Amino acid sequence: MNNSFNKKLAEIFGKVDEKVLQAKLNAAIDMLKKGEIDDLVKKINKMDKDELMRKINEFDMSKFNDLNIDKDEIKQLVSKSDFDNMAKLIGDQGEEIIKKIKDIIEY
């Protein structure tokens, strides 16, 4: 019984994590659409870059599809120069983080 409870709890937390991720991605995309680059930069600079890399490395395409993220929409919204600027703004590990993001969205 304890094992089934643990599985259910893990499933619930997984769904919460996915919803939080979806909300954060949507907020970031909205910031890009509205040109709120300064706010996005502030949020990125507050992030732990090592944790961000761990999250990106754990990311798999099933989660991407479950979140109903449209790769083509992201490709239309974010240009190569936007990615280059984000890499610079991120600072340490910026190039590596952006490369992984591009790999995920097949940019």
PDB file of N, CA and C in Angstrom:
ATOM      1  N   MET A   1       0.819  -1.187   0.000  1.00  0.00           N
ATOM      2  CA  MET A   1       0.000   0.000   0.000  1.00  0.00           C
ATOM      3  C   MET A   1       0.865   1.255   0.000  1.00  0.00           C
ATOM      4  N   ASN A   2       1.927   1.262   0.740  1.00  0.00           N
ATOM      5  CA  ASN A   2       2.820   2.408   0.801  1.00  0.00           C
ATOM      6  C   ASN A   2       3.423   2.697  -0.572  1.00  0.00           C
ATOM      7  N   ASN A   3       3.741   1.642  -1.306  1.00  0.00           N
ATOM      8  CA  ASN A   3       4.330   1.799  -2.632  1.00  0.00           C
ATOM      9  C   ASN A   3       3.332   2.464  -3.588  1.00  0.00           C
ATOM     10  N   SER A   4       2.058   2.060  -3.544  1.00  0.00           N
ATOM     11  CA  SER A   4       1.063   2.665  -4.435  1.00  0.00           C
ATOM     12  C   SER A   4       0.813   4.123  -4.058  1.00  0.00           C
ATOM     13  N   PHE A   5       0.863   4.420  -2.764  1.00  0.00           N
ATOM     14  CA  PHE A   5       0.729   5.803  -2.317  1.00  0.00           C
ATOM     15  C   PHE A   5       1.878   6.652  -2.848  1.00  0.00           C
ATOM     16  N   ASN A   6       3.096   6.126  -2.772  1.00  0.00           N
ATOM     17  CA  ASN A   6       4.267   6.841  -3.280  1.00  0.00           C
ATOM     18  C   ASN A   6       4.154   7.085  -4.776  1.00  0.00           C
ATOM     19  N   LYS A   7       3.663   6.095  -5.514  1.00  0.00           N
ATOM     20  CA  LYS A   7       3.504   6.253  -6.964  1.00  0.00           C
ATOM     21  C   LYS A   7       2.484   7.341  -7.275  1.00  0.00           C
ATOM     22  N   LYS A   8       1.372   7.321  -6.541  1.00  0.00           N
ATOM     23  CA  LYS A   8       0.326   8.316  -6.769  1.00  0.00           C
ATOM     24  C   LYS A   8       0.833   9.719  -6.436  1.00  0.00           C
ATOM     25  N   LEU A   9       1.553   9.823  -5.332  1.00  0.00           N
ATOM     26  CA  LEU A   9       2.119  11.101  -4.929  1.00  0.00           C
ATOM     27  C   LEU A   9       3.104  11.617  -5.982  1.00  0.00           C
ATOM     28  N   ALA A  10       3.951  10.739  -6.490  1.00  0.00           N
ATOM     29  CA  ALA A  10       4.909  11.120  -7.529  1.00  0.00           C
ATOM     30  C   ALA A  10       4.182  11.572  -8.791  1.00  0.00           C
ATOM     31  N   GLU A  11       3.086  10.887  -9.115  1.00  0.00           N
ATOM     32  CA  GLU A  11       2.299  11.258 -10.294  1.00  0.00           C
ATOM     33  C   GLU A  11       1.689  12.647 -10.128  1.00  0.00           C
ATOM     34  N   ILE A  12       1.162  12.921  -8.948  1.00  0.00           N
ATOM     35  CA  ILE A  12       0.560  14.235  -8.675  1.00  0.00           C
ATOM     36  C   ILE A  12       1.615  15.337  -8.776  1.00  0.00           C
ATOM     37  N   PHE A  13       2.769  15.113  -8.132  1.00  0.00           N
ATOM     38  CA  PHE A  13       3.823  16.120  -8.185  1.00  0.00           C
ATOM     39  C   PHE A  13       4.351  16.299  -9.601  1.00  0.00           C
ATOM     40  N   GLY A  14       4.404  15.227 -10.372  1.00  0.00           N
ATOM     41  CA  GLY A  14       4.832  15.326 -11.763  1.00  0.00           C
ATOM     42  C   GLY A  14       3.897  16.216 -12.559  1.00  0.00           C
ATOM     43  N   LYS A  15       2.592  16.063 -12.334  1.00  0.00           N
ATOM     44  CA  LYS A  15       1.612  16.889 -13.037  1.00  0.00           C
ATOM     45  C   LYS A  15       1.735  18.348 -12.623  1.00  0.00           C
ATOM     46  N   VAL A  16       1.973  18.578 -11.330  1.00  0.00           N
ATOM     47  CA  VAL A  16       2.151  19.946 -10.848  1.00  0.00           C
ATOM     48  C   VAL A  16       3.382  20.562 -11.495  1.00  0.00           C
ATOM     49  N   ASP A  17       4.491  19.809 -11.520  1.00  0.00           N
ATOM     50  CA  ASP A  17       5.716  20.303 -12.153  1.00  0.00           C
ATOM     51  C   ASP A  17       5.484  20.640 -13.617  1.00  0.00           C
ATOM     52  N   GLU A  18       4.724  19.796 -14.329  1.00  0.00           N
ATOM     53  CA  GLU A  18       4.450  20.047 -15.737  1.00  0.00           C
ATOM     54  C   GLU A  18       3.620  21.315 -15.914  1.00  0.00           C
ATOM     55  N   LYS A  19       2.634  21.510 -15.035  1.00  0.00           N
ATOM     56  CA  LYS A  19       1.797  22.713 -15.128  1.00  0.00           C
ATOM     57  C   LYS A  19       2.600  23.970 -14.825  1.00  0.00           C
ATOM     58  N   VAL A  20       3.490  23.878 -13.847  1.00  0.00           N
ATOM     59  CA  VAL A  20       4.346  25.020 -13.510  1.00  0.00           C
ATOM     60  C   VAL A  20       5.261  25.330 -14.687  1.00  0.00           C
ATOM     61  N   LEU A  21       5.851  24.293 -15.273  1.00  0.00           N
ATOM     62  CA  LEU A  21       6.734  24.483 -16.427  1.00  0.00           C
ATOM     63  C   LEU A  21       5.968  25.111 -17.581  1.00  0.00           C
ATOM     64  N   GLN A  22       4.765  24.609 -17.840  1.00  0.00           N
ATOM     65  CA  GLN A  22       3.948  25.162 -18.922  1.00  0.00           C
ATOM     66  C   GLN A  22       3.668  26.641 -18.672  1.00  0.00           C
ATOM     67  N   ALA A  23       3.308  26.985 -17.445  1.00  0.00           N
ATOM     68  CA  ALA A  23       3.006  28.383 -17.119  1.00  0.00           C
ATOM     69  C   ALA A  23       4.240  29.257 -17.301  1.00  0.00           C
ATOM     70  N   LYS A  24       5.402  28.768 -16.882  1.00  0.00           N
ATOM     71  CA  LYS A  24       6.631  29.550 -17.015  1.00  0.00           C
ATOM     72  C   LYS A  24       7.016  29.724 -18.478  1.00  0.00           C
ATOM     73  N   LEU A  25       6.870  28.667 -19.272  1.00  0.00           N
ATOM     74  CA  LEU A  25       7.178  28.778 -20.701  1.00  0.00           C
ATOM     75  C   LEU A  25       6.227  29.756 -21.383  1.00  0.00           C
ATOM     76  N   ASN A  26       4.953  29.660 -21.048  1.00  0.00           N
ATOM     77  CA  ASN A  26       3.975  30.586 -21.639  1.00  0.00           C
ATOM     78  C   ASN A  26       4.279  32.027 -21.250  1.00  0.00           C
ATOM     79  N   ALA A  27       4.663  32.229 -19.993  1.00  0.00           N
ATOM     80  CA  ALA A  27       5.001  33.582 -19.536  1.00  0.00           C
ATOM     81  C   ALA A  27       6.224  34.109 -20.280  1.00  0.00           C
ATOM     82  N   ALA A  28       7.230  33.260 -20.473  1.00  0.00           N
ATOM     83  CA  ALA A  28       8.439  33.677 -21.202  1.00  0.00           C
ATOM     84  C   ALA A  28       8.108  34.013 -22.648  1.00  0.00           C
ATOM     85  N   ILE A  29       7.273  33.206 -23.281  1.00  0.00           N
ATOM     86  CA  ILE A  29       6.877  33.470 -24.667  1.00  0.00           C
ATOM     87  C   ILE A  29       6.088  34.773 -24.751  1.00  0.00           C
ATOM     88  N   ASP A  30       5.189  34.996 -23.790  1.00  0.00           N
ATOM     89  CA  ASP A  30       4.434  36.257 -23.763  1.00  0.00           C
ATOM     90  C   ASP A  30       5.368  37.449 -23.596  1.00  0.00           C
ATOM     91  N   MET A  31       6.383  37.311 -22.742  1.00  0.00           N
ATOM     92  CA  MET A  31       7.347  38.403 -22.550  1.00  0.00           C
ATOM     93  C   MET A  31       8.072  38.700 -23.850  1.00  0.00           C
ATOM     94  N   LEU A  32       8.439  37.636 -24.582  1.00  0.00           N
ATOM     95  CA  LEU A  32       9.112  37.841 -25.866  1.00  0.00           C
ATOM     96  C   LEU A  32       8.179  38.521 -26.866  1.00  0.00           C
ATOM     97  N   LYS A  33       6.912  38.082 -26.910  1.00  0.00           N
ATOM     98  CA  LYS A  33       5.941  38.675 -27.836  1.00  0.00           C
ATOM     99  C   LYS A  33       5.744  40.167 -27.560  1.00  0.00           C
ATOM    100  N   LYS A  34       5.698  40.501 -26.266  1.00  0.00           N
ATOM    101  CA  LYS A  34       5.420  41.881 -25.871  1.00  0.00           C
ATOM    102  C   LYS A  34       6.674  42.745 -25.826  1.00  0.00           C
ATOM    103  N   GLY A  35       7.820  42.145 -26.070  1.00  0.00           N
ATOM    104  CA  GLY A  35       9.061  42.901 -26.061  1.00  0.00           C
ATOM    105  C   GLY A  35       9.556  43.230 -24.664  1.00  0.00           C
ATOM    106  N   GLU A  36       9.130  42.465 -23.685  1.00  0.00           N
ATOM    107  CA  GLU A  36       9.533  42.713 -22.297  1.00  0.00           C
ATOM    108  C   GLU A  36      10.859  42.005 -21.999  1.00  0.00           C
ATOM    109  N   ILE A  37      11.869  42.329 -22.760  1.00  0.00           N
ATOM    110  CA  ILE A  37      13.161  41.668 -22.673  1.00  0.00           C
ATOM    111  C   ILE A  37      13.829  41.921 -21.323  1.00  0.00           C
ATOM    112  N   ASP A  38      13.731  43.143 -20.812  1.00  0.00           N
ATOM    113  CA  ASP A  38      14.375  43.460 -19.534  1.00  0.00           C
ATOM    114  C   ASP A  38      13.848  42.586 -18.401  1.00  0.00           C
ATOM    115  N   ASP A  39      12.524  42.381 -18.379  1.00  0.00           N
ATOM    116  CA  ASP A  39      11.931  41.525 -17.343  1.00  0.00           C
ATOM    117  C   ASP A  39      12.400  40.084 -17.495  1.00  0.00           C
ATOM    118  N   LEU A  40      12.476  39.626 -18.741  1.00  0.00           N
ATOM    119  CA  LEU A  40      12.935  38.268 -19.001  1.00  0.00           C
ATOM    120  C   LEU A  40      14.391  38.098 -18.572  1.00  0.00           C
ATOM    121  N   VAL A  41      15.214  39.107 -18.839  1.00  0.00           N
ATOM    122  CA  VAL A  41      16.622  39.071 -18.446  1.00  0.00           C
ATOM    123  C   VAL A  41      16.745  38.974 -16.929  1.00  0.00           C
ATOM    124  N   LYS A  42      15.941  39.749 -16.216  1.00  0.00           N
ATOM    125  CA  LYS A  42      15.974  39.705 -14.749  1.00  0.00           C
ATOM    126  C   LYS A  42      15.639  38.307 -14.238  1.00  0.00           C
ATOM    127  N   LYS A  43      14.619  37.703 -14.827  1.00  0.00           N
ATOM    128  CA  LYS A  43      14.223  36.361 -14.404  1.00  0.00           C
ATOM    129  C   LYS A  43      15.318  35.341 -14.706  1.00  0.00           C
ATOM    130  N   ILE A  44      15.919  35.456 -15.873  1.00  0.00           N
ATOM    131  CA  ILE A  44      16.984  34.521 -16.257  1.00  0.00           C
ATOM    132  C   ILE A  44      18.179  34.669 -15.329  1.00  0.00           C
ATOM    133  N   ASN A  45      18.522  35.897 -15.001  1.00  0.00           N
ATOM    134  CA  ASN A  45      19.685  36.128 -14.136  1.00  0.00           C
ATOM    135  C   ASN A  45      19.474  35.634 -12.716  1.00  0.00           C
ATOM    136  N   LYS A  46      18.218  35.492 -12.290  1.00  0.00           N
ATOM    137  CA  LYS A  46      17.923  34.976 -10.962  1.00  0.00           C
ATOM    138  C   LYS A  46      18.017  33.442 -10.907  1.00  0.00           C
ATOM    139  N   MET A  47      18.016  32.808 -12.062  1.00  0.00           N
ATOM    140  CA  MET A  47      18.028  31.346 -12.113  1.00  0.00           C
ATOM    141  C   MET A  47      19.397  30.786 -11.769  1.00  0.00           C
ATOM    142  N   ASP A  48      19.373  29.627 -11.160  1.00  0.00           N
ATOM    143  CA  ASP A  48      20.586  28.855 -10.932  1.00  0.00           C
ATOM    144  C   ASP A  48      20.902  28.146 -12.247  1.00  0.00           C
ATOM    145  N   LYS A  49      21.985  28.541 -12.892  1.00  0.00           N
ATOM    146  CA  LYS A  49      22.310  28.014 -14.222  1.00  0.00           C
ATOM    147  C   LYS A  49      22.587  26.503 -14.192  1.00  0.00           C
ATOM    148  N   ASP A  50      23.187  26.019 -13.110  1.00  0.00           N
ATOM    149  CA  ASP A  50      23.432  24.577 -13.007  1.00  0.00           C
ATOM    150  C   ASP A  50      22.119  23.812 -12.912  1.00  0.00           C
ATOM    151  N   GLU A  51      21.170  24.354 -12.152  1.00  0.00           N
ATOM    152  CA  GLU A  51      19.868  23.710 -12.046  1.00  0.00           C
ATOM    153  C   GLU A  51      19.143  23.743 -13.390  1.00  0.00           C
ATOM    154  N   LEU A  52      19.251  24.860 -14.085  1.00  0.00           N
ATOM    155  CA  LEU A  52      18.642  24.979 -15.404  1.00  0.00           C
ATOM    156  C   LEU A  52      19.206  23.926 -16.354  1.00  0.00           C
ATOM    157  N   MET A  53      20.519  23.726 -16.319  1.00  0.00           N
ATOM    158  CA  MET A  53      21.139  22.699 -17.169  1.00  0.00           C
ATOM    159  C   MET A  53      20.640  21.308 -16.793  1.00  0.00           C
ATOM    160  N   ARG A  54      20.501  21.042 -15.508  1.00  0.00           N
ATOM    161  CA  ARG A  54      19.983  19.734 -15.074  1.00  0.00           C
ATOM    162  C   ARG A  54      18.567  19.532 -15.602  1.00  0.00           C
ATOM    163  N   LYS A  55      17.736  20.555 -15.494  1.00  0.00           N
ATOM    164  CA  LYS A  55      16.349  20.454 -15.961  1.00  0.00           C
ATOM    165  C   LYS A  55      16.301  20.226 -17.474  1.00  0.00           C
ATOM    166  N   ILE A  56      17.138  20.940 -18.200  1.00  0.00           N
ATOM    167  CA  ILE A  56      17.169  20.774 -19.653  1.00  0.00           C
ATOM    168  C   ILE A  56      17.630  19.369 -20.013  1.00  0.00           C
ATOM    169  N   ASN A  57      18.629  18.859 -19.310  1.00  0.00           N
ATOM    170  CA  ASN A  57      19.129  17.511 -19.583  1.00  0.00           C
ATOM    171  C   ASN A  57      18.108  16.434 -19.243  1.00  0.00           C
ATOM    172  N   GLU A  58      17.236  16.698 -18.259  1.00  0.00           N
ATOM    173  CA  GLU A  58      16.205  15.731 -17.876  1.00  0.00           C
ATOM    174  C   GLU A  58      15.007  15.776 -18.817  1.00  0.00           C
ATOM    175  N   PHE A  59      14.892  16.838 -19.575  1.00  0.00           N
ATOM    176  CA  PHE A  59      13.725  17.066 -20.427  1.00  0.00           C
ATOM    177  C   PHE A  59      13.680  16.032 -21.535  1.00  0.00           C
ATOM    178  N   ASP A  60      12.520  15.456 -21.755  1.00  0.00           N
ATOM    179  CA  ASP A  60      12.374  14.537 -22.878  1.00  0.00           C
ATOM    180  C   ASP A  60      11.185  14.970 -23.730  1.00  0.00           C
ATOM    181  N   MET A  61      11.119  14.453 -24.922  1.00  0.00           N
ATOM    182  CA  MET A  61      10.116  14.907 -25.882  1.00  0.00           C
ATOM    183  C   MET A  61       8.696  14.553 -25.448  1.00  0.00           C
ATOM    184  N   SER A  62       8.524  13.510 -24.654  1.00  0.00           N
ATOM    185  CA  SER A  62       7.167  13.177 -24.209  1.00  0.00           C
ATOM    186  C   SER A  62       6.609  14.306 -23.343  1.00  0.00           C
ATOM    187  N   LYS A  63       7.452  14.895 -22.480  1.00  0.00           N
ATOM    188  CA  LYS A  63       7.003  16.032 -21.667  1.00  0.00           C
ATOM    189  C   LYS A  63       6.672  17.213 -22.567  1.00  0.00           C
ATOM    190  N   PHE A  64       7.502  17.436 -23.566  1.00  0.00           N
ATOM    191  CA  PHE A  64       7.303  18.535 -24.505  1.00  0.00           C
ATOM    192  C   PHE A  64       5.941  18.391 -25.179  1.00  0.00           C
ATOM    193  N   ASN A  65       5.644  17.178 -25.627  1.00  0.00           N
ATOM    194  CA  ASN A  65       4.369  16.930 -26.296  1.00  0.00           C
ATOM    195  C   ASN A  65       3.200  17.007 -25.321  1.00  0.00           C
ATOM    196  N   ASP A  66       3.389  16.515 -24.092  1.00  0.00           N
ATOM    197  CA  ASP A  66       2.330  16.575 -23.083  1.00  0.00           C
ATOM    198  C   ASP A  66       1.959  18.008 -22.744  1.00  0.00           C
ATOM    199  N   LEU A  67       2.915  18.915 -22.836  1.00  0.00           N
ATOM    200  CA  LEU A  67       2.673  20.318 -22.522  1.00  0.00           C
ATOM    201  C   LEU A  67       2.050  21.082 -23.688  1.00  0.00           C
ATOM    202  N   ASN A  68       1.845  20.379 -24.812  1.00  0.00           N
ATOM    203  CA  ASN A  68       1.251  20.996 -26.010  1.00  0.00           C
ATOM    204  C   ASN A  68       2.019  22.233 -26.453  1.00  0.00           C
ATOM    205  N   ILE A  69       3.323  22.133 -26.455  1.00  0.00           N
ATOM    206  CA  ILE A  69       4.160  23.243 -26.897  1.00  0.00           C
ATOM    207  C   ILE A  69       4.364  23.112 -28.397  1.00  0.00           C
ATOM    208  N   ASP A  70       4.063  24.163 -29.104  1.00  0.00           N
ATOM    209  CA  ASP A  70       4.176  24.180 -30.555  1.00  0.00           C
ATOM    210  C   ASP A  70       5.578  24.656 -30.943  1.00  0.00           C
ATOM    211  N   LYS A  71       6.401  23.730 -31.400  1.00  0.00           N
ATOM    212  CA  LYS A  71       7.784  24.075 -31.784  1.00  0.00           C
ATOM    213  C   LYS A  71       7.806  25.129 -32.880  1.00  0.00           C
ATOM    214  N   ASP A  72       6.887  25.002 -33.827  1.00  0.00           N
ATOM    215  CA  ASP A  72       6.872  25.956 -34.939  1.00  0.00           C
ATOM    216  C   ASP A  72       6.555  27.369 -34.455  1.00  0.00           C
ATOM    217  N   GLU A  73       5.679  27.471 -33.460  1.00  0.00           N
ATOM    218  CA  GLU A  73       5.357  28.795 -32.906  1.00  0.00           C
ATOM    219  C   GLU A  73       6.595  29.405 -32.254  1.00  0.00           C
ATOM    220  N   ILE A  74       7.329  28.592 -31.509  1.00  0.00           N
ATOM    221  CA  ILE A  74       8.548  29.092 -30.874  1.00  0.00           C
ATOM    222  C   ILE A  74       9.548  29.526 -31.937  1.00  0.00           C
ATOM    223  N   LYS A  75       9.687  28.730 -32.986  1.00  0.00           N
ATOM    224  CA  LYS A  75      10.618  29.074 -34.062  1.00  0.00           C
ATOM    225  C   LYS A  75      10.238  30.388 -34.732  1.00  0.00           C
ATOM    226  N   GLN A  76       8.939  30.659 -34.846  1.00  0.00           N
ATOM    227  CA  GLN A  76       8.483  31.910 -35.458  1.00  0.00           C
ATOM    228  C   GLN A  76       8.705  33.098 -34.533  1.00  0.00           C
ATOM    229  N   LEU A  77       8.556  32.874 -33.227  1.00  0.00           N
ATOM    230  CA  LEU A  77       8.655  33.964 -32.264  1.00  0.00           C
ATOM    231  C   LEU A  77      10.089  34.356 -31.934  1.00  0.00           C
ATOM    232  N   VAL A  78      10.988  33.365 -31.954  1.00  0.00           N
ATOM    233  CA  VAL A  78      12.353  33.604 -31.499  1.00  0.00           C
ATOM    234  C   VAL A  78      13.311  33.453 -32.678  1.00  0.00           C
ATOM    235  N   SER A  79      14.000  34.536 -32.992  1.00  0.00           N
ATOM    236  CA  SER A  79      14.934  34.524 -34.119  1.00  0.00           C
ATOM    237  C   SER A  79      16.324  34.070 -33.663  1.00  0.00           C
ATOM    238  N   LYS A  80      17.200  33.847 -34.623  1.00  0.00           N
ATOM    239  CA  LYS A  80      18.574  33.468 -34.307  1.00  0.00           C
ATOM    240  C   LYS A  80      19.241  34.551 -33.466  1.00  0.00           C
ATOM    241  N   SER A  81      18.996  35.808 -33.806  1.00  0.00           N
ATOM    242  CA  SER A  81      19.606  36.892 -33.028  1.00  0.00           C
ATOM    243  C   SER A  81      19.036  36.943 -31.607  1.00  0.00           C
ATOM    244  N   ASP A  82      17.750  36.575 -31.446  1.00  0.00           N
ATOM    245  CA  ASP A  82      17.178  36.494 -30.096  1.00  0.00           C
ATOM    246  C   ASP A  82      17.900  35.433 -29.273  1.00  0.00           C
ATOM    247  N   PHE A  83      18.148  34.279 -29.902  1.00  0.00           N
ATOM    248  CA  PHE A  83      18.876  33.220 -29.209  1.00  0.00           C
ATOM    249  C   PHE A  83      20.293  33.671 -28.863  1.00  0.00           C
ATOM    250  N   ASP A  84      20.933  34.338 -29.797  1.00  0.00           N
ATOM    251  CA  ASP A  84      22.293  34.825 -29.543  1.00  0.00           C
ATOM    252  C   ASP A  84      22.305  35.820 -28.383  1.00  0.00           C
ATOM    253  N   ASN A  85      21.333  36.720 -28.379  1.00  0.00           N
ATOM    254  CA  ASN A  85      21.234  37.699 -27.294  1.00  0.00           C
ATOM    255  C   ASN A  85      20.948  37.025 -25.956  1.00  0.00           C
ATOM    256  N   MET A  86      20.061  36.016 -25.973  1.00  0.00           N
ATOM    257  CA  MET A  86      19.761  35.302 -24.731  1.00  0.00           C
ATOM    258  C   MET A  86      20.999  34.606 -24.193  1.00  0.00           C
ATOM    259  N   ALA A  87      21.795  34.023 -25.081  1.00  0.00           N
ATOM    260  CA  ALA A  87      23.019  33.348 -24.650  1.00  0.00           C
ATOM    261  C   ALA A  87      23.954  34.333 -23.959  1.00  0.00           C
ATOM    262  N   LYS A  88      24.064  35.523 -24.517  1.00  0.00           N
ATOM    263  CA  LYS A  88      24.913  36.556 -23.905  1.00  0.00           C
ATOM    264  C   LYS A  88      24.352  36.999 -22.563  1.00  0.00           C
ATOM    265  N   LEU A  89      23.038  37.174 -22.496  1.00  0.00           N
ATOM    266  CA  LEU A  89      22.401  37.640 -21.268  1.00  0.00           C
ATOM    267  C   LEU A  89      22.490  36.604 -20.154  1.00  0.00           C
ATOM    268  N   ILE A  90      22.432  35.339 -20.520  1.00  0.00           N
ATOM    269  CA  ILE A  90      22.526  34.273 -19.522  1.00  0.00           C
ATOM    270  C   ILE A  90      23.909  34.266 -18.893  1.00  0.00           C
ATOM    271  N   GLY A  91      24.905  34.565 -19.716  1.00  0.00           N
ATOM    272  CA  GLY A  91      26.271  34.594 -19.189  1.00  0.00           C
ATOM    273  C   GLY A  91      26.874  33.204 -19.159  1.00  0.00           C
ATOM    274  N   ASP A  92      27.385  32.808 -17.992  1.00  0.00           N
ATOM    275  CA  ASP A  92      27.988  31.482 -17.856  1.00  0.00           C
ATOM    276  C   ASP A  92      27.024  30.413 -18.345  1.00  0.00           C
ATOM    277  N   GLN A  93      27.499  29.546 -19.163  1.00  0.00           N
ATOM    278  CA  GLN A  93      26.755  28.423 -19.730  1.00  0.00           C
ATOM    279  C   GLN A  93      25.676  28.855 -20.724  1.00  0.00           C
ATOM    280  N   GLY A  94      25.629  30.126 -21.068  1.00  0.00           N
ATOM    281  CA  GLY A  94      24.607  30.620 -21.986  1.00  0.00           C
ATOM    282  C   GLY A  94      24.612  29.922 -23.324  1.00  0.00           C
ATOM    283  N   GLU A  95      25.785  29.782 -23.904  1.00  0.00           N
ATOM    284  CA  GLU A  95      25.893  29.110 -25.209  1.00  0.00           C
ATOM    285  C   GLU A  95      25.391  27.675 -25.129  1.00  0.00           C
ATOM    286  N   GLU A  96      25.795  26.981 -24.073  1.00  0.00           N
ATOM    287  CA  GLU A  96      25.409  25.579 -23.905  1.00  0.00           C
ATOM    288  C   GLU A  96      23.902  25.442 -23.665  1.00  0.00           C
ATOM    289  N   ILE A  97      23.343  26.313 -22.845  1.00  0.00           N
ATOM    290  CA  ILE A  97      21.905  26.277 -22.555  1.00  0.00           C
ATOM    291  C   ILE A  97      21.101  26.539 -23.822  1.00  0.00           C
ATOM    292  N   ILE A  98      21.483  27.558 -24.569  1.00  0.00           N
ATOM    293  CA  ILE A  98      20.766  27.900 -25.805  1.00  0.00           C
ATOM    294  C   ILE A  98      20.900  26.784 -26.836  1.00  0.00           C
ATOM    295  N   LYS A  99      22.070  26.171 -26.922  1.00  0.00           N
ATOM    296  CA  LYS A  99      22.254  25.059 -27.867  1.00  0.00           C
ATOM    297  C   LYS A  99      21.293  23.918 -27.530  1.00  0.00           C
ATOM    298  N   LYS A 100      21.155  23.604 -26.253  1.00  0.00           N
ATOM    299  CA  LYS A 100      20.253  22.523 -25.842  1.00  0.00           C
ATOM    300  C   LYS A 100      18.802  22.882 -26.144  1.00  0.00           C
ATOM    301  N   ILE A 101      18.448  24.148 -25.900  1.00  0.00           N
ATOM    302  CA  ILE A 101      17.079  24.580 -26.216  1.00  0.00           C
ATOM    303  C   ILE A 101      16.827  24.461 -27.714  1.00  0.00           C
ATOM    304  N   LYS A 102      17.772  24.889 -28.525  1.00  0.00           N
ATOM    305  CA  LYS A 102      17.632  24.777 -29.978  1.00  0.00           C
ATOM    306  C   LYS A 102      17.508  23.327 -30.397  1.00  0.00           C
ATOM    307  N   ASP A 103      18.275  22.438 -29.765  1.00  0.00           N
ATOM    308  CA  ASP A 103      18.185  21.015 -30.078  1.00  0.00           C
ATOM    309  C   ASP A 103      16.791  20.473 -29.753  1.00  0.00           C
ATOM    310  N   ILE A 104      16.235  20.905 -28.628  1.00  0.00           N
ATOM    311  CA  ILE A 104      14.909  20.420 -28.223  1.00  0.00           C
ATOM    312  C   ILE A 104      13.837  20.863 -29.211  1.00  0.00           C
ATOM    313  N   ILE A 105      13.902  22.127 -29.637  1.00  0.00           N
ATOM    314  CA  ILE A 105      12.862  22.614 -30.558  1.00  0.00           C
ATOM    315  C   ILE A 105      13.234  22.383 -32.023  1.00  0.00           C
ATOM    316  N   GLU A 106      14.383  21.736 -32.227  1.00  0.00           N
ATOM    317  CA  GLU A 106      14.861  21.412 -33.580  1.00  0.00           C
ATOM    318  C   GLU A 106      14.985  22.671 -34.433  1.00  0.00           C
ATOM    319  N   TYR A 107      15.648  23.678 -33.875  1.00  0.00           N
ATOM    320  CA  TYR A 107      15.813  24.979 -34.532  1.00  0.00           C
ATOM    321  C   TYR A 107      16.964  24.932 -35.493  1.00  0.00           C
TER     322      TYR A 107
END
